[in-house]
Structure formats: C-alpha cells, structure tokens
Amino acid sequence: MVKRRINLLQVFVVLMHEMRNQFVSYTYWSIIVWPLLIMAIFERFENFKMNTISLSTSEICRLWGNILPIFIFMVCLSYVSIIANSVAMDKTSKLSELLMVMVDAKEQLVGKILSIYGLLIFQIAVYIGVFNLYGGLTGSRFLNELLSQTPSQLLVYVVLDAIVAILISLIWTTEIASNISDEAQVATAVIPVMLIIGTGTIIAMFFNSPEYFDSGLSAIRVYINVILAFPPIGSLLFPTLLAEGNVTYWEAFLNLGLELFIMAFIFRTSVRQYRRGMLSREYSNPFYQALEKGNTEKK
C-alpha cells in the first residue's frame, strides 16, 4: 500500500485559517497581555529591581531546569484550550463532514498544530518587541543576560524540549476533542492532558536534586532512561536531571529523539481516531470515548 503524501497546500490553508480566527479572538490577546501586565506590576517594586546577573554555568543550568517545566506547563495551559475549542467548533458546527471531504484528517491535524506554534512564535515576538522598545525593563535585562550566559547546546536543548512537550499535548488534546458532542465538554478534553502536564511539572521538582544517579551505569539509570523515553514524561523531567548534571547532553538529545520516534506512531493512531471522532455523533464523555476507540483500534 502506497502512503499518501501530505498536502502542504491544505496544511497551509488550515494553518492560516486557524491563526486568522485567533487574531480576532479576545482569548488569544488576553493570553498575550496578562504576562505583560504582571511584569509591569513587578516593575513598580523597588526590591524587584536588578541591574545584572552573574551566575556560574552550573547555576544557569539549574535555573533553566526550574524554568523550563513551568514554562511548558504555562504554554500548554493557554494553548491546549485554544486547540480544543477550535476542534469543538468544527465538530459542533456540523461542518466536520464537509471538512473531511475537502481536507483530510492528517492535514487538519498538522495545520491546527502548526497554527499553535505560529501563535506562540507571534506571542514571543511581541514580547521581544516590547523588551527592545523598553530596554530598561528588569525582565528585559534579565532575559538578555540569561540568554547570553547560557551555553549554546543548552539553549538548543531547551527549545527542542519545549517543542516536543507541547507537541504531544496538542496531539492528545485534538484526539480527545474530536469526540466532543457539545461545546460544554471542552473542559473534559483539556483536563486530562493538563493533569498529565501538571503532574510532570510537580514531579520535576523532586528530580531537581544533585547526585540523583550514581556515577556510571546502574540499573536505576537504565530504568529511568527507558521510562523517560515516553512523551511527555521525558520532556518534563529530563531538563531537571540535565540541570543538576545527573545526565549528559547525549542522553538528553537521545531522549528527545526517542520521544519523537514514539510520537510518530501516536500521531498515526491519532489521525485515524480524529477522523472517526469528527464524523461521529455519539454523545458521551469524550475522554472515555477516545479510550474506547483506542481499545477497539488495537483489537
């Protein structure tokens, strides 16, 4: 059987459609504005002022180990609900059958997920623009100095790790949301994913301790590396292990590669379930419905 190539034009059309809808959405702009408001409030406190930061490489790594899981959680908290609402609107507006005729499930999924990354990049660009415009802001100075003192390989890992963790969250959310029969069920599609991300973020704090592993090869080290190959567990816990020097960079990048490999299989299953879910009119808990379809698929 010849695999059908993905239609990049359809993916681009879906991507632009989703981004255009969000650019006129109050929810999306509130996601952009509220961190700026919080930063402006902190700027009013003299005790929050700081001129420079001078940290060692190990302290910089430890700082990223604390920041990255929280950043992933905050991004997922904001954007998982956006993609869930988008899928729910397509499903409940009775356009799902028409969409499936015009654009296949794979193109819809890829377009929707890429649109989230596009929205996130735009949000970051807005913050960079604000920081450059008001260079005297404490947050601006702190971020610039933090980035300048961070080793390049760590910066590469931080970016890739965030992309991978957010990706699996979006895939699972679209899969569950495709089984929604009522827009009131959107929270049911978001809560399971956020529970996983939130739990991983909390557990990451326990991993943020020096000498978690003994030096060299050990049974617990092999066990943890195998377990952390499953997304998004590794993406949330590996940064803290790397921050404390418990794992090496080659282990961290190998973990990301294994997560992406596993996600490729998860995505193929999600495309089939997304297609079935969008065409189904059954009314039940979308989370349980997605699990039932997954079990039926395996049988």
Protein backbone atom coordinates (compact mmCIF):
# COMPACT_ATOMS: atom_id res chain seq x y z
CA MET A 1 0.00 0.00 0.00
CA VAL A 2 1.42 3.37 -1.06
CA LYS A 3 1.35 6.00 1.62
CA ARG A 4 -0.39 9.21 0.65
CA ARG A 5 1.84 12.25 0.87
CA ILE A 6 0.65 15.10 3.00
CA ASN A 7 -0.86 18.01 1.05
CA LEU A 8 1.22 21.01 2.11
CA LEU A 9 -1.14 23.49 0.46
CA GLN A 10 -4.08 22.22 2.50
CA VAL A 11 -1.95 22.30 5.65
CA PHE A 12 -1.06 25.94 4.92
CA VAL A 13 -4.73 26.84 4.32
CA VAL A 14 -5.76 25.25 7.63
CA LEU A 15 -2.85 26.95 9.42
CA MET A 16 -3.75 30.41 8.10
CA HIS A 17 -7.45 29.89 8.81
CA GLU A 18 -6.76 28.94 12.43
CA MET A 19 -4.34 31.82 13.01
CA ARG A 20 -6.71 34.33 11.42
CA ASN A 21 -9.51 33.17 13.73
CA GLN A 22 -7.29 33.58 16.80
CA PHE A 23 -6.03 37.02 15.81
CA VAL A 24 -9.60 38.30 16.16
CA SER A 25 -10.15 36.34 19.37
CA TYR A 26 -10.29 38.06 22.76
CA THR A 27 -8.97 34.90 24.43
CA TYR A 28 -5.75 34.87 22.43
CA TRP A 29 -4.97 38.52 23.06
CA SER A 30 -5.66 38.10 26.76
CA ILE A 31 -3.05 35.32 26.79
CA ILE A 32 -0.55 37.80 25.34
CA VAL A 33 -1.46 40.75 27.54
CA TRP A 34 -1.70 39.28 31.04
CA PRO A 35 2.02 38.36 31.38
CA LEU A 36 2.90 41.92 30.32
CA LEU A 37 0.56 43.30 32.98
CA ILE A 38 2.13 41.10 35.66
CA MET A 39 5.60 42.25 34.58
CA ALA A 40 4.51 45.89 34.70
CA ILE A 41 3.25 45.39 38.27
CA PHE A 42 6.57 43.91 39.41
CA GLU A 43 8.44 46.78 37.78
CA ARG A 44 6.78 49.13 40.28
CA PHE A 45 8.51 47.46 43.23
CA GLU A 46 11.98 48.76 44.00
CA ASN A 47 13.02 45.50 45.63
CA PHE A 48 12.44 43.76 42.32
CA LYS A 49 14.97 45.96 40.53
CA MET A 50 18.19 44.30 39.46
CA ASN A 51 21.00 45.58 37.31
CA THR A 52 22.96 42.49 36.31
CA ILE A 53 23.10 38.79 36.98
CA SER A 54 26.35 36.90 37.36
CA LEU A 55 25.87 33.16 37.59
CA SER A 56 28.11 30.18 37.02
CA THR A 57 27.36 27.70 34.24
CA SER A 58 26.00 25.18 36.75
CA GLU A 59 23.69 27.81 38.26
CA ILE A 60 22.47 28.80 34.78
CA CYS A 61 21.68 25.14 34.02
CA ARG A 62 19.87 24.78 37.34
CA LEU A 63 17.84 27.91 36.59
CA TRP A 64 16.73 26.50 33.23
CA GLY A 65 15.89 23.23 34.95
CA ASN A 66 13.44 25.12 37.16
CA ILE A 67 12.08 27.45 34.48
CA LEU A 68 11.52 25.05 31.56
CA PRO A 69 8.92 22.67 33.11
CA ILE A 70 6.94 25.65 34.42
CA PHE A 71 7.16 27.36 31.01
CA ILE A 72 5.88 24.20 29.29
CA PHE A 73 3.01 23.97 31.77
CA MET A 74 2.00 27.62 31.28
CA VAL A 75 2.13 27.36 27.48
CA CYS A 76 0.05 24.17 27.49
CA LEU A 77 -2.42 25.72 29.92
CA SER A 78 -3.02 28.56 27.46
CA TYR A 79 -2.83 26.85 24.07
CA VAL A 80 -4.34 23.44 24.79
CA SER A 81 -7.68 25.12 25.44
CA ILE A 82 -7.36 27.09 22.18
CA ILE A 83 -6.91 23.99 20.03
CA ALA A 84 -9.63 22.11 21.95
CA ASN A 85 -12.11 24.93 21.29
CA SER A 86 -11.12 25.00 17.63
CA VAL A 87 -11.79 21.28 17.20
CA ALA A 88 -15.04 21.56 19.17
CA MET A 89 -16.28 24.38 16.96
CA ASP A 90 -15.59 22.35 13.83
CA LYS A 91 -17.38 19.36 15.30
CA THR A 92 -20.44 21.06 16.78
CA SER A 93 -20.99 23.43 13.83
CA LYS A 94 -21.88 20.37 11.70
CA LEU A 95 -19.08 21.24 9.26
CA SER A 96 -16.99 18.20 10.12
CA GLU A 97 -18.36 16.08 7.25
CA LEU A 98 -17.70 18.87 4.74
CA LEU A 99 -14.22 19.48 6.13
CA MET A 100 -13.36 15.80 5.85
CA VAL A 101 -14.37 15.82 2.20
CA MET A 102 -12.28 18.90 1.44
CA VAL A 103 -9.33 18.37 3.82
CA ASP A 104 -8.24 15.02 5.21
CA ALA A 105 -7.78 14.49 8.94
CA LYS A 106 -3.98 14.43 8.66
CA GLU A 107 -3.84 17.86 7.03
CA GLN A 108 -6.33 19.22 9.55
CA LEU A 109 -4.31 17.95 12.49
CA VAL A 110 -0.98 19.17 11.16
CA GLY A 111 -2.43 22.56 10.21
CA LYS A 112 -4.06 23.07 13.60
CA ILE A 113 -0.92 22.06 15.50
CA LEU A 114 1.35 24.24 13.36
CA SER A 115 -1.03 27.16 13.88
CA ILE A 116 -0.48 26.85 17.64
CA TYR A 117 3.27 27.08 17.14
CA GLY A 118 2.70 30.07 14.87
CA LEU A 119 0.60 31.79 17.54
CA LEU A 120 3.22 31.03 20.18
CA ILE A 121 6.01 32.42 17.98
CA PHE A 122 3.96 35.57 17.42
CA GLN A 123 3.45 35.94 21.19
CA ILE A 124 7.19 35.59 21.82
CA ALA A 125 7.88 38.11 19.03
CA VAL A 126 5.54 40.59 20.74
CA TYR A 127 7.46 40.20 23.99
CA ILE A 128 10.80 40.63 22.21
CA GLY A 129 9.47 43.79 20.59
CA VAL A 130 8.32 45.15 23.95
CA PHE A 131 11.67 44.30 25.54
CA ASN A 132 13.58 46.04 22.75
CA LEU A 133 11.31 49.06 22.91
CA TYR A 134 11.68 49.37 26.68
CA GLY A 135 15.19 48.09 27.18
CA GLY A 136 15.32 49.36 30.75
CA LEU A 137 12.78 46.83 31.97
CA THR A 138 14.11 44.44 34.59
CA GLY A 139 12.64 41.47 32.73
CA SER A 140 14.35 42.59 29.53
CA ARG A 141 17.76 42.93 31.16
CA PHE A 142 17.40 39.65 33.00
CA LEU A 143 16.36 37.73 29.87
CA ASN A 144 19.13 39.20 27.70
CA GLU A 145 21.81 38.39 30.25
CA LEU A 146 20.39 34.95 30.92
CA LEU A 147 20.45 34.08 27.21
CA SER A 148 23.95 35.49 26.75
CA GLN A 149 25.32 33.40 29.65
CA THR A 150 23.54 30.16 28.69
CA PRO A 151 25.69 27.58 26.83
CA SER A 152 24.59 27.21 23.19
CA GLN A 153 23.96 23.46 23.46
CA LEU A 154 21.68 24.06 26.44
CA LEU A 155 19.71 26.70 24.52
CA VAL A 156 19.24 24.26 21.62
CA TYR A 157 18.04 21.58 24.02
CA VAL A 158 15.65 23.96 25.80
CA VAL A 159 13.96 24.96 22.52
CA LEU A 160 13.68 21.39 21.21
CA ASP A 161 12.46 20.04 24.52
CA ALA A 162 9.68 22.65 24.74
CA ILE A 163 8.60 21.90 21.15
CA VAL A 164 8.39 18.15 21.83
CA ALA A 165 6.47 18.51 25.11
CA ILE A 166 3.95 20.93 23.60
CA LEU A 167 3.53 18.70 20.53
CA ILE A 168 2.35 15.62 22.41
CA SER A 169 -0.02 17.77 24.46
CA LEU A 170 -1.62 19.16 21.32
CA ILE A 171 -1.89 15.74 19.66
CA TRP A 172 -3.68 14.23 22.65
CA THR A 173 -5.97 17.23 23.02
CA THR A 174 -7.13 17.15 19.39
CA GLU A 175 -7.73 13.41 19.64
CA ILE A 176 -9.94 13.77 22.72
CA ALA A 177 -11.64 16.95 21.49
CA SER A 178 -12.68 15.25 18.23
CA ASN A 179 -15.14 13.20 20.30
CA ILE A 180 -16.90 16.25 21.75
CA SER A 181 -20.62 16.39 21.07
CA ASP A 182 -21.27 19.64 22.93
CA GLU A 183 -19.04 22.71 23.43
CA ALA A 184 -19.69 22.35 27.16
CA GLN A 185 -17.47 19.25 27.02
CA VAL A 186 -14.35 21.20 26.02
CA ALA A 187 -13.06 21.14 29.60
CA THR A 188 -13.25 17.34 29.53
CA ALA A 189 -10.78 17.33 26.64
CA VAL A 190 -8.41 19.77 28.34
CA ILE A 191 -8.35 18.47 31.93
CA PRO A 192 -6.80 15.01 31.29
CA VAL A 193 -3.93 16.50 29.29
CA MET A 194 -3.27 19.25 31.81
CA LEU A 195 -3.32 16.75 34.67
CA ILE A 196 -0.51 14.85 32.96
CA ILE A 197 1.50 18.02 32.27
CA GLY A 198 0.84 19.42 35.73
CA THR A 199 1.83 16.19 37.47
CA GLY A 200 5.01 16.01 35.42
CA THR A 201 5.86 19.60 36.33
CA ILE A 202 5.46 18.88 40.05
CA ILE A 203 7.49 15.66 39.87
CA ALA A 204 10.23 17.54 38.01
CA MET A 205 10.89 19.50 41.19
CA PHE A 206 11.77 16.26 43.00
CA PHE A 207 14.25 15.38 40.27
CA ASN A 208 15.93 18.75 40.69
CA SER A 209 18.49 17.48 43.20
CA PRO A 210 22.20 16.84 42.80
CA GLU A 211 23.61 13.32 42.58
CA TYR A 212 20.24 11.72 41.82
CA PHE A 213 22.18 9.00 39.99
CA ASP A 214 25.41 7.33 40.98
CA SER A 215 28.23 7.89 38.53
CA GLY A 216 28.48 5.32 35.75
CA LEU A 217 25.98 2.75 34.54
CA SER A 218 23.40 1.47 37.03
CA ALA A 219 20.08 -0.38 36.97
CA ILE A 220 18.12 2.68 38.12
CA ARG A 221 19.82 4.85 35.48
CA VAL A 222 18.87 2.45 32.67
CA TYR A 223 15.33 2.11 34.07
CA ILE A 224 14.79 5.87 34.28
CA ASN A 225 16.15 6.41 30.75
CA VAL A 226 13.71 3.81 29.37
CA ILE A 227 10.73 5.24 31.25
CA LEU A 228 11.56 8.81 30.24
CA ALA A 229 11.51 7.86 26.57
CA PHE A 230 7.71 8.06 26.69
CA PRO A 231 6.38 11.56 25.92
CA PRO A 232 5.82 13.93 27.62
CA ILE A 233 7.43 12.39 30.71
CA GLY A 234 10.97 12.82 29.44
CA SER A 235 10.40 16.36 28.18
CA LEU A 236 9.30 17.45 31.64
CA LEU A 237 11.75 15.53 33.81
CA PHE A 238 14.93 15.46 31.74
CA PRO A 239 15.57 19.24 32.00
CA THR A 240 15.92 18.99 35.77
CA LEU A 241 18.14 15.92 35.53
CA LEU A 242 20.30 17.73 32.99
CA ALA A 243 20.37 20.87 35.10
CA GLU A 244 21.90 19.04 38.04
CA GLY A 245 24.37 17.10 35.91
CA ASN A 246 22.63 13.79 36.56
CA VAL A 247 22.50 13.04 32.82
CA THR A 248 24.71 14.05 29.93
CA TYR A 249 23.75 16.04 26.84
CA TRP A 250 23.91 12.99 24.62
CA GLU A 251 21.39 11.24 26.90
CA ALA A 252 19.13 14.30 26.80
CA PHE A 253 19.18 14.61 23.00
CA LEU A 254 18.79 10.84 22.60
CA ASN A 255 15.72 11.08 24.81
CA LEU A 256 14.20 13.72 22.54
CA GLY A 257 14.85 11.54 19.51
CA LEU A 258 13.16 8.55 21.14
CA GLU A 259 10.18 10.68 22.15
CA LEU A 260 9.75 11.91 18.58
CA PHE A 261 10.01 8.32 17.30
CA ILE A 262 7.26 7.19 19.67
CA MET A 263 5.14 10.26 18.85
CA ALA A 264 5.24 9.33 15.16
CA PHE A 265 3.28 6.16 16.00
CA ILE A 266 0.98 8.04 18.36
CA PHE A 267 0.24 10.60 15.64
CA ARG A 268 -0.73 7.92 13.11
CA THR A 269 -3.22 6.48 15.57
CA SER A 270 -4.49 9.95 16.46
CA VAL A 271 -5.20 10.76 12.81
CA ARG A 272 -7.47 7.71 12.49
CA GLN A 273 -9.24 8.44 15.74
CA TYR A 274 -9.58 12.12 14.85
CA ARG A 275 -11.23 11.17 11.56
CA ARG A 276 -13.66 8.81 13.27
CA GLY A 277 -14.38 11.21 16.11
CA MET A 278 -15.17 14.15 13.84
CA LEU A 279 -17.70 12.07 11.90
CA SER A 280 -19.28 10.51 14.98
CA ARG A 281 -22.46 11.88 16.54
CA GLU A 282 -22.35 9.75 19.69
CA TYR A 283 -22.93 11.64 22.93
CA SER A 284 -20.70 10.55 25.80
CA ASN A 285 -17.65 11.65 27.75
CA PRO A 286 -15.10 12.50 25.01
CA PHE A 287 -12.17 11.21 27.09
CA TYR A 288 -13.75 7.80 27.64
CA GLN A 289 -14.91 7.71 24.04
CA ALA A 290 -11.35 8.31 22.82
CA LEU A 291 -10.09 5.50 25.08
CA GLU A 292 -12.79 3.14 23.84
CA LYS A 293 -11.91 3.86 20.23
CA GLY A 294 -8.25 3.32 21.02
CA ASN A 295 -9.02 -0.09 22.52
CA THR A 296 -11.21 -1.01 19.54
CA GLU A 297 -8.39 0.03 17.21
CA LYS A 298 -5.94 -2.28 18.99
CA LYS A 299 -8.32 -5.22 18.78
